[in-house]
Amino acid sequence: YLFEYQDQSRKSKLSITPTFSIDRLPENFYVIATMNTADRSLAIVDFALRRRFAWIDLLPEKILNCQTFHSNYFDEFEQIFYRNADSFELNLQPGQGYFIALTKEEMIQRLKFELFPLIKEYLDEGLLLSAKEDFNKFFLDNIDKPLYR
């Protein structure tokens, strides 16, 4: 109830520690959170959150001047999405965090065990079907594994 700014008559208290509680949020208190559009499965909770907070859509972006960011893989993934995805499917593009790895070997592991299963799941659910051949070529070229046999 502390987030509800309209009804100040409710006197709810939030215990921070056993000896410290508050009945209102400080004016300089900000909540910053993320929500992946692909993960919104609890619509009722999602609607409740959307009514109470401002939303900013962020698309994946290349990380510049970062030696652990594998921009070659990011660029290729981004191009596959831009060439093939409809406006809804663009929201499914994996974020830049998937493309951060200390070594090329670690990045290959991420392709095999994180991005490959994610894209395969999208395709199995009927999403990004026009990108199927592009993704198949990408994974064959980079991890020597086809999406489908």
Protein backbone atom coordinates (compact mmCIF):
# COMPACT_ATOMS: atom_id res chain seq x y z
CA TYR A 1 0.00 0.00 0.00
CA LEU A 2 2.95 2.34 0.38
CA PHE A 3 3.05 2.76 -3.42
CA GLU A 4 -0.56 3.96 -3.50
CA TYR A 5 -0.19 7.73 -3.51
CA GLN A 6 -3.92 8.49 -3.75
CA ASP A 7 -5.13 7.01 -0.49
CA GLN A 8 -3.14 8.44 2.40
CA SER A 9 -5.82 7.49 4.94
CA ARG A 10 -4.51 3.93 5.11
CA LYS A 11 -1.76 3.74 7.68
CA SER A 12 0.22 0.72 6.56
CA LYS A 13 3.68 0.17 7.94
CA LEU A 14 6.54 -1.62 6.32
CA SER A 15 9.13 -3.18 8.62
CA ILE A 16 12.60 -2.62 7.26
CA THR A 17 14.37 -4.17 10.22
CA PRO A 18 12.98 -5.47 13.51
CA THR A 19 13.45 -1.99 15.00
CA PHE A 20 12.76 0.26 11.98
CA SER A 21 9.54 0.66 10.00
CA ILE A 22 8.09 3.30 7.68
CA ASP A 23 4.55 4.41 6.88
CA ARG A 24 5.35 6.25 3.65
CA LEU A 25 8.02 6.09 0.99
CA PRO A 26 10.66 8.81 0.91
CA GLU A 27 10.28 11.36 -1.91
CA ASN A 28 13.70 10.41 -3.31
CA PHE A 29 12.83 6.71 -3.50
CA TYR A 30 12.74 5.28 -7.04
CA VAL A 31 11.93 1.76 -8.16
CA ILE A 32 13.69 0.63 -11.30
CA ALA A 33 12.82 -2.82 -12.55
CA THR A 34 12.83 -4.79 -15.75
CA MET A 35 10.22 -6.94 -17.37
CA ASN A 36 10.85 -8.89 -20.52
CA THR A 37 7.85 -8.80 -22.83
CA ALA A 38 8.47 -12.44 -23.70
CA ASP A 39 8.07 -13.38 -20.03
CA ARG A 40 4.71 -11.74 -19.35
CA SER A 41 2.68 -14.79 -18.50
CA LEU A 42 0.70 -13.50 -15.52
CA ALA A 43 -1.54 -11.00 -17.28
CA ILE A 44 -3.39 -9.90 -14.14
CA VAL A 45 -0.15 -9.03 -12.36
CA ASP A 46 1.18 -7.40 -15.51
CA PHE A 47 -1.90 -5.16 -15.83
CA ALA A 48 -1.69 -4.22 -12.16
CA LEU A 49 1.94 -3.20 -12.55
CA ARG A 50 1.30 -1.28 -15.77
CA ARG A 51 -1.43 0.78 -14.10
CA ARG A 52 0.88 1.88 -11.31
CA PHE A 53 4.19 2.60 -12.98
CA ALA A 54 5.65 4.43 -15.96
CA TRP A 55 7.07 2.15 -18.66
CA ILE A 56 9.99 2.67 -20.97
CA ASP A 57 10.57 0.22 -23.81
CA LEU A 58 14.21 -0.61 -24.38
CA LEU A 59 15.45 -2.55 -27.36
CA PRO A 60 18.73 -4.47 -27.37
CA GLU A 61 21.65 -2.26 -28.40
CA LYS A 62 25.25 -2.93 -29.25
CA ILE A 63 27.61 -2.28 -26.35
CA LEU A 64 30.43 -0.11 -27.57
CA ASN A 65 34.02 -0.19 -26.28
CA CYS A 66 33.54 -3.44 -24.40
CA GLN A 67 36.05 -6.21 -25.05
CA THR A 68 33.76 -8.92 -23.66
CA PHE A 69 30.84 -7.98 -25.91
CA HIS A 70 30.75 -10.22 -28.99
CA SER A 71 29.33 -7.71 -31.44
CA ASN A 72 29.76 -10.01 -34.46
CA TYR A 73 27.21 -12.47 -33.07
CA PHE A 74 24.96 -9.68 -31.80
CA ASP A 75 24.99 -7.95 -35.20
CA GLU A 76 24.13 -11.14 -37.04
CA PHE A 77 21.28 -11.95 -34.63
CA GLU A 78 19.96 -8.41 -34.86
CA GLN A 79 20.00 -8.54 -38.66
CA ILE A 80 18.10 -11.83 -38.70
CA PHE A 81 15.44 -10.25 -36.50
CA TYR A 82 15.23 -7.05 -38.56
CA ARG A 83 14.95 -8.98 -41.83
CA ASN A 84 12.36 -11.48 -40.66
CA ALA A 85 10.46 -10.49 -37.53
CA ASP A 86 7.10 -8.78 -37.48
CA SER A 87 6.49 -5.96 -35.00
CA PHE A 88 5.50 -8.36 -32.19
CA GLU A 89 8.41 -10.74 -32.85
CA LEU A 90 10.92 -7.88 -32.66
CA ASN A 91 10.16 -7.84 -28.93
CA LEU A 92 11.60 -11.36 -28.71
CA GLN A 93 15.11 -10.35 -29.78
CA PRO A 94 17.55 -11.51 -27.10
CA GLY A 95 19.17 -8.68 -25.18
CA GLN A 96 22.78 -7.70 -25.27
CA GLY A 97 23.54 -9.62 -22.07
CA TYR A 98 23.46 -12.84 -24.08
CA PHE A 99 26.44 -11.60 -26.07
CA ILE A 100 28.79 -10.82 -23.19
CA ALA A 101 31.40 -13.50 -22.56
CA LEU A 102 35.00 -13.43 -21.40
CA THR A 103 36.23 -15.69 -24.19
CA LYS A 104 35.11 -16.94 -27.58
CA GLU A 105 34.74 -20.42 -26.09
CA GLU A 106 32.37 -19.05 -23.44
CA MET A 107 30.41 -17.26 -26.17
CA ILE A 108 30.12 -20.50 -28.16
CA GLN A 109 28.79 -22.21 -25.02
CA ARG A 110 26.21 -19.43 -24.68
CA LEU A 111 25.18 -19.94 -28.31
CA LYS A 112 24.82 -23.69 -27.77
CA PHE A 113 23.09 -23.77 -24.42
CA GLU A 114 21.20 -20.48 -24.21
CA LEU A 115 20.48 -18.93 -27.61
CA PHE A 116 20.04 -22.14 -29.61
CA PRO A 117 17.34 -23.54 -27.26
CA LEU A 118 15.64 -20.12 -27.04
CA ILE A 119 15.36 -19.74 -30.82
CA LYS A 120 14.30 -23.37 -31.20
CA GLU A 121 11.54 -22.80 -28.64
CA TYR A 122 10.37 -19.67 -30.49
CA LEU A 123 10.19 -21.63 -33.74
CA ASP A 124 8.44 -24.59 -32.09
CA GLU A 125 5.81 -22.12 -30.79
CA GLY A 126 5.23 -20.82 -34.33
CA LEU A 127 7.16 -17.59 -33.85
CA LEU A 128 9.83 -16.21 -36.21
CA LEU A 129 9.02 -18.87 -38.80
CA SER A 130 10.25 -16.66 -41.63
CA ALA A 131 13.67 -16.55 -39.90
CA LYS A 132 13.99 -20.33 -39.63
CA GLU A 133 16.49 -20.75 -42.47
CA ASP A 134 18.56 -17.74 -41.41
CA PHE A 135 18.81 -19.05 -37.85
CA ASN A 136 19.55 -22.55 -39.07
CA LYS A 137 22.45 -21.19 -41.16
CA PHE A 138 23.66 -19.07 -38.23
CA PHE A 139 23.81 -22.04 -35.86
CA LEU A 140 25.32 -24.37 -38.47
CA ASP A 141 28.04 -21.80 -39.22
CA ASN A 142 28.81 -21.00 -35.59
CA ILE A 143 28.20 -24.15 -33.53
CA ASP A 144 27.95 -26.77 -36.28
CA LYS A 145 24.45 -27.72 -35.16
CA PRO A 146 21.24 -27.50 -37.21
CA LEU A 147 17.99 -26.38 -35.62
CA TYR A 148 16.19 -29.36 -37.11
CA ARG A 149 17.41 -32.65 -38.54
